[in-house]
Amino acid sequence: MKSEPLADVDRSAGMKRGPAFWFATWFGCGLVPKAPGTAGGIGALIVALPLAFKLGLPPYSFGLLALAILWPAIQSATAVAIGTGRKDPQIVVVDEVVGQWITLAGATRLNWQAFVFALILFRTFDIWKPPPIRRIEKLDAGTGIVLDDAMAGVYGAVILYLLGRLNFY
């Protein structure tokens, strides 16, 4: 993965730093120069931590949250892709948030180990892209940007669930 210089984003026709931009970059996580996808995954977990440990949300609730932001994620990813003139801009990391939360939904219990496994599993499947993720990635604009990570999240959730059933965390 190569990172995009921020100057390329600023010069892109029609790219404004409005709500779609900030949501697509998960409030700036996607602007880190190295490993923006990992930064987006960590940003998703930073939001999930207080929801799990302070409010006591169960694991499945993160799947519901992922579904709740799915449409806005696709729309904002599309807007940034059009604004930057790139099919899958590296600064768009809301897709990582969707995938990370789907992975977390597979946890059998929420503890710090589940969060670590969720991050490792999601990022592994997101980078590896086993079938049909690579095919999903080819869908138009924000649909392909977001749904391939959602599928990586499904793979991660299944493995996270199995690890939990086997008492790895």
C-alpha atoms as a PDB file:
ATOM      1  CA  MET A   1       0.000   0.000   0.000  1.00  0.00           C
ATOM      2  CA  LYS A   2       1.347   3.388  -0.870  1.00  0.00           C
ATOM      3  CA  SER A   3       0.266   6.456   1.002  1.00  0.00           C
ATOM      4  CA  GLU A   4      -0.971   9.572  -0.713  1.00  0.00           C
ATOM      5  CA  PRO A   5       0.628  12.895   0.049  1.00  0.00           C
ATOM      6  CA  LEU A   6      -1.890  15.209   1.659  1.00  0.00           C
ATOM      7  CA  ALA A   7      -1.055  17.806  -1.001  1.00  0.00           C
ATOM      8  CA  ASP A   8      -2.625  15.515  -3.642  1.00  0.00           C
ATOM      9  CA  VAL A   9      -5.873  15.567  -1.699  1.00  0.00           C
ATOM     10  CA  ASP A  10      -5.840  19.342  -1.333  1.00  0.00           C
ATOM     11  CA  ARG A  11      -5.327  19.853  -5.101  1.00  0.00           C
ATOM     12  CA  SER A  12      -8.140  17.489  -6.087  1.00  0.00           C
ATOM     13  CA  ALA A  13     -11.032  19.181  -7.851  1.00  0.00           C
ATOM     14  CA  GLY A  14     -14.137  19.357  -5.721  1.00  0.00           C
ATOM     15  CA  MET A  15     -12.542  17.864  -2.598  1.00  0.00           C
ATOM     16  CA  LYS A  16     -13.832  19.834   0.350  1.00  0.00           C
ATOM     17  CA  ARG A  17     -13.156  19.023   3.950  1.00  0.00           C
ATOM     18  CA  GLY A  18     -16.788  18.818   4.908  1.00  0.00           C
ATOM     19  CA  PRO A  19     -18.689  16.187   6.892  1.00  0.00           C
ATOM     20  CA  ALA A  20     -18.260  13.463   4.226  1.00  0.00           C
ATOM     21  CA  PHE A  21     -14.487  13.978   4.208  1.00  0.00           C
ATOM     22  CA  TRP A  22     -14.182  13.805   7.993  1.00  0.00           C
ATOM     23  CA  PHE A  23     -16.475  10.796   8.278  1.00  0.00           C
ATOM     24  CA  ALA A  24     -14.668   8.937   5.454  1.00  0.00           C
ATOM     25  CA  THR A  25     -11.303   9.605   7.106  1.00  0.00           C
ATOM     26  CA  TRP A  26     -12.821   8.619  10.483  1.00  0.00           C
ATOM     27  CA  PHE A  27     -12.243  12.084  11.862  1.00  0.00           C
ATOM     28  CA  GLY A  28      -8.661  12.291  10.627  1.00  0.00           C
ATOM     29  CA  CYS A  29      -7.387   8.745  11.279  1.00  0.00           C
ATOM     30  CA  GLY A  30      -6.948   8.250   7.533  1.00  0.00           C
ATOM     31  CA  LEU A  31      -4.628  11.247   7.322  1.00  0.00           C
ATOM     32  CA  VAL A  32      -1.746   9.528   9.126  1.00  0.00           C
ATOM     33  CA  PRO A  33       1.112   9.116   6.665  1.00  0.00           C
ATOM     34  CA  LYS A  34       1.945   5.466   7.445  1.00  0.00           C
ATOM     35  CA  ALA A  35      -0.571   2.599   7.712  1.00  0.00           C
ATOM     36  CA  PRO A  36      -3.794   4.642   7.577  1.00  0.00           C
ATOM     37  CA  GLY A  37      -5.851   1.431   7.464  1.00  0.00           C
ATOM     38  CA  THR A  38      -4.389   0.291  10.755  1.00  0.00           C
ATOM     39  CA  ALA A  39      -4.996   3.769  12.174  1.00  0.00           C
ATOM     40  CA  GLY A  40      -8.644   3.471  11.089  1.00  0.00           C
ATOM     41  CA  GLY A  41      -8.949   0.061  12.755  1.00  0.00           C
ATOM     42  CA  ILE A  42      -7.455   1.441  15.956  1.00  0.00           C
ATOM     43  CA  GLY A  43      -9.781   4.450  15.696  1.00  0.00           C
ATOM     44  CA  ALA A  44     -12.740   2.053  15.511  1.00  0.00           C
ATOM     45  CA  LEU A  45     -11.542   0.236  18.625  1.00  0.00           C
ATOM     46  CA  ILE A  46     -10.994   3.507  20.508  1.00  0.00           C
ATOM     47  CA  VAL A  47     -14.694   4.244  20.008  1.00  0.00           C
ATOM     48  CA  ALA A  48     -15.638   0.647  20.904  1.00  0.00           C
ATOM     49  CA  LEU A  49     -13.683   0.501  24.176  1.00  0.00           C
ATOM     50  CA  PRO A  50     -15.899   2.818  26.250  1.00  0.00           C
ATOM     51  CA  LEU A  51     -19.025   1.411  24.635  1.00  0.00           C
ATOM     52  CA  ALA A  52     -17.998  -2.074  25.747  1.00  0.00           C
ATOM     53  CA  PHE A  53     -16.393  -1.379  29.105  1.00  0.00           C
ATOM     54  CA  LYS A  54     -18.287   1.668  30.379  1.00  0.00           C
ATOM     55  CA  LEU A  55     -21.732   1.111  28.850  1.00  0.00           C
ATOM     56  CA  GLY A  56     -21.517  -2.679  28.817  1.00  0.00           C
ATOM     57  CA  LEU A  57     -22.573  -3.178  25.191  1.00  0.00           C
ATOM     58  CA  PRO A  58     -22.460  -6.851  24.171  1.00  0.00           C
ATOM     59  CA  PRO A  59     -20.345  -7.981  21.198  1.00  0.00           C
ATOM     60  CA  TYR A  60     -23.266  -8.265  18.745  1.00  0.00           C
ATOM     61  CA  SER A  61     -24.005  -4.562  19.222  1.00  0.00           C
ATOM     62  CA  PHE A  62     -20.876  -3.727  17.223  1.00  0.00           C
ATOM     63  CA  GLY A  63     -22.344  -5.594  14.270  1.00  0.00           C
ATOM     64  CA  LEU A  64     -25.457  -3.427  14.623  1.00  0.00           C
ATOM     65  CA  LEU A  65     -23.311  -0.292  14.787  1.00  0.00           C
ATOM     66  CA  ALA A  66     -21.474  -1.408  11.638  1.00  0.00           C
ATOM     67  CA  LEU A  67     -24.831  -1.838   9.888  1.00  0.00           C
ATOM     68  CA  ALA A  68     -25.946   1.573  11.133  1.00  0.00           C
ATOM     69  CA  ILE A  69     -22.979   3.339   9.554  1.00  0.00           C
ATOM     70  CA  LEU A  70     -22.810   1.182   6.403  1.00  0.00           C
ATOM     71  CA  TRP A  71     -24.825   3.490   4.131  1.00  0.00           C
ATOM     72  CA  PRO A  72     -23.175   6.735   5.319  1.00  0.00           C
ATOM     73  CA  ALA A  73     -19.786   4.995   5.001  1.00  0.00           C
ATOM     74  CA  ILE A  74     -20.487   4.041   1.373  1.00  0.00           C
ATOM     75  CA  GLN A  75     -21.741   7.551   0.580  1.00  0.00           C
ATOM     76  CA  SER A  76     -18.798   9.341   2.190  1.00  0.00           C
ATOM     77  CA  ALA A  77     -16.259   6.943   0.644  1.00  0.00           C
ATOM     78  CA  THR A  78     -17.835   7.596  -2.764  1.00  0.00           C
ATOM     79  CA  ALA A  79     -17.663  11.363  -2.226  1.00  0.00           C
ATOM     80  CA  VAL A  80     -13.970  11.244  -1.313  1.00  0.00           C
ATOM     81  CA  ALA A  81     -13.159   8.850  -4.173  1.00  0.00           C
ATOM     82  CA  ILE A  82     -14.822  11.237  -6.634  1.00  0.00           C
ATOM     83  CA  GLY A  83     -13.263  14.297  -4.992  1.00  0.00           C
ATOM     84  CA  THR A  84      -9.743  12.874  -5.110  1.00  0.00           C
ATOM     85  CA  GLY A  85     -10.133  11.186  -8.481  1.00  0.00           C
ATOM     86  CA  ARG A  86      -8.944   7.881  -6.998  1.00  0.00           C
ATOM     87  CA  LYS A  87     -10.789   4.553  -6.991  1.00  0.00           C
ATOM     88  CA  ASP A  88      -9.823   3.689  -3.399  1.00  0.00           C
ATOM     89  CA  PRO A  89      -8.118   6.624  -1.679  1.00  0.00           C
ATOM     90  CA  GLN A  90      -5.870   5.557   1.186  1.00  0.00           C
ATOM     91  CA  ILE A  91      -7.287   8.354   3.348  1.00  0.00           C
ATOM     92  CA  VAL A  92     -10.708   6.650   3.390  1.00  0.00           C
ATOM     93  CA  VAL A  93     -10.728   4.478   6.502  1.00  0.00           C
ATOM     94  CA  VAL A  94     -14.402   4.407   7.487  1.00  0.00           C
ATOM     95  CA  ASP A  95     -14.402   1.051   5.688  1.00  0.00           C
ATOM     96  CA  GLU A  96     -11.918  -0.187   8.278  1.00  0.00           C
ATOM     97  CA  VAL A  97     -14.296   0.968  11.007  1.00  0.00           C
ATOM     98  CA  VAL A  98     -17.147  -1.065   9.499  1.00  0.00           C
ATOM     99  CA  GLY A  99     -14.944  -4.152   9.103  1.00  0.00           C
ATOM    100  CA  GLN A 100     -13.349  -3.801  12.525  1.00  0.00           C
ATOM    101  CA  TRP A 101     -16.725  -3.546  14.250  1.00  0.00           C
ATOM    102  CA  ILE A 102     -18.043  -6.563  12.332  1.00  0.00           C
ATOM    103  CA  THR A 103     -15.011  -8.541  13.485  1.00  0.00           C
ATOM    104  CA  LEU A 104     -15.562  -7.427  17.077  1.00  0.00           C
ATOM    105  CA  ALA A 105     -19.177  -8.605  16.851  1.00  0.00           C
ATOM    106  CA  GLY A 106     -17.857 -12.164  16.623  1.00  0.00           C
ATOM    107  CA  ALA A 107     -16.315 -12.047  20.091  1.00  0.00           C
ATOM    108  CA  THR A 108     -17.692 -14.476  22.641  1.00  0.00           C
ATOM    109  CA  ARG A 109     -16.770 -11.979  25.388  1.00  0.00           C
ATOM    110  CA  LEU A 110     -15.202  -8.541  25.391  1.00  0.00           C
ATOM    111  CA  ASN A 111     -11.845  -8.150  27.100  1.00  0.00           C
ATOM    112  CA  TRP A 112      -8.547  -6.631  26.079  1.00  0.00           C
ATOM    113  CA  GLN A 113      -7.447  -9.880  24.404  1.00  0.00           C
ATOM    114  CA  ALA A 114     -10.580  -9.952  22.225  1.00  0.00           C
ATOM    115  CA  PHE A 115      -9.812  -6.396  21.089  1.00  0.00           C
ATOM    116  CA  VAL A 116      -6.220  -7.327  20.199  1.00  0.00           C
ATOM    117  CA  PHE A 117      -7.294 -10.479  18.335  1.00  0.00           C
ATOM    118  CA  ALA A 118     -10.020  -8.500  16.536  1.00  0.00           C
ATOM    119  CA  LEU A 119      -7.508  -5.928  15.287  1.00  0.00           C
ATOM    120  CA  ILE A 120      -4.995  -8.551  14.145  1.00  0.00           C
ATOM    121  CA  LEU A 121      -7.623 -10.734  12.465  1.00  0.00           C
ATOM    122  CA  PHE A 122      -9.378  -7.907  10.668  1.00  0.00           C
ATOM    123  CA  ARG A 123      -6.172  -6.319   9.383  1.00  0.00           C
ATOM    124  CA  THR A 124      -4.893  -9.748   8.251  1.00  0.00           C
ATOM    125  CA  PHE A 125      -8.017 -10.465   6.191  1.00  0.00           C
ATOM    126  CA  ASP A 126      -8.172  -6.871   4.933  1.00  0.00           C
ATOM    127  CA  ILE A 127      -4.609  -7.062   3.609  1.00  0.00           C
ATOM    128  CA  TRP A 128      -4.710 -10.698   2.438  1.00  0.00           C
ATOM    129  CA  LYS A 129      -8.114 -10.380   0.715  1.00  0.00           C
ATOM    130  CA  PRO A 130      -9.087 -14.053   0.332  1.00  0.00           C
ATOM    131  CA  PRO A 131     -11.970 -14.818  -2.066  1.00  0.00           C
ATOM    132  CA  PRO A 132     -14.423 -13.235  -2.610  1.00  0.00           C
ATOM    133  CA  ILE A 133     -12.978 -10.054  -1.045  1.00  0.00           C
ATOM    134  CA  ARG A 134     -10.871  -9.099  -4.072  1.00  0.00           C
ATOM    135  CA  ARG A 135     -13.923  -9.457  -6.338  1.00  0.00           C
ATOM    136  CA  ILE A 136     -16.072  -7.348  -3.993  1.00  0.00           C
ATOM    137  CA  GLU A 137     -13.339  -4.697  -3.977  1.00  0.00           C
ATOM    138  CA  LYS A 138     -13.959  -4.170  -7.717  1.00  0.00           C
ATOM    139  CA  LEU A 139     -17.524  -2.889  -7.179  1.00  0.00           C
ATOM    140  CA  ASP A 140     -18.065   0.773  -7.997  1.00  0.00           C
ATOM    141  CA  ALA A 141     -16.812   3.591  -5.800  1.00  0.00           C
ATOM    142  CA  GLY A 142     -17.744   3.508  -2.110  1.00  0.00           C
ATOM    143  CA  THR A 143     -19.609   0.223  -2.475  1.00  0.00           C
ATOM    144  CA  GLY A 144     -16.409  -1.657  -3.301  1.00  0.00           C
ATOM    145  CA  ILE A 145     -14.348   0.381  -0.851  1.00  0.00           C
ATOM    146  CA  VAL A 146     -16.615  -0.461   2.093  1.00  0.00           C
ATOM    147  CA  LEU A 147     -18.056  -3.889   1.297  1.00  0.00           C
ATOM    148  CA  ASP A 148     -14.694  -5.598   0.796  1.00  0.00           C
ATOM    149  CA  ASP A 149     -13.752  -4.579   4.328  1.00  0.00           C
ATOM    150  CA  ALA A 150     -17.158  -5.678   5.606  1.00  0.00           C
ATOM    151  CA  MET A 151     -16.435  -9.129   4.154  1.00  0.00           C
ATOM    152  CA  ALA A 152     -12.961  -9.127   5.741  1.00  0.00           C
ATOM    153  CA  GLY A 153     -14.797  -8.327   8.979  1.00  0.00           C
ATOM    154  CA  VAL A 154     -17.061 -11.345   8.518  1.00  0.00           C
ATOM    155  CA  TYR A 155     -14.019 -13.604   8.122  1.00  0.00           C
ATOM    156  CA  GLY A 156     -12.440 -12.013  11.180  1.00  0.00           C
ATOM    157  CA  ALA A 157     -15.652 -12.430  13.207  1.00  0.00           C
ATOM    158  CA  VAL A 158     -15.849 -16.147  12.431  1.00  0.00           C
ATOM    159  CA  ILE A 159     -12.255 -16.753  13.512  1.00  0.00           C
ATOM    160  CA  LEU A 160     -12.636 -14.522  16.581  1.00  0.00           C
ATOM    161  CA  TYR A 161     -15.733 -16.478  17.582  1.00  0.00           C
ATOM    162  CA  LEU A 162     -13.892 -19.788  17.181  1.00  0.00           C
ATOM    163  CA  LEU A 163     -10.931 -18.509  19.209  1.00  0.00           C
ATOM    164  CA  GLY A 164     -13.336 -17.460  21.954  1.00  0.00           C
ATOM    165  CA  ARG A 165     -15.082 -20.845  21.984  1.00  0.00           C
ATOM    166  CA  LEU A 166     -11.641 -22.444  22.300  1.00  0.00           C
ATOM    167  CA  ASN A 167     -10.848 -20.129  25.271  1.00  0.00           C
ATOM    168  CA  PHE A 168      -7.963 -18.274  23.600  1.00  0.00           C
ATOM    169  CA  TYR A 169      -9.191 -15.065  25.198  1.00  0.00           C
END
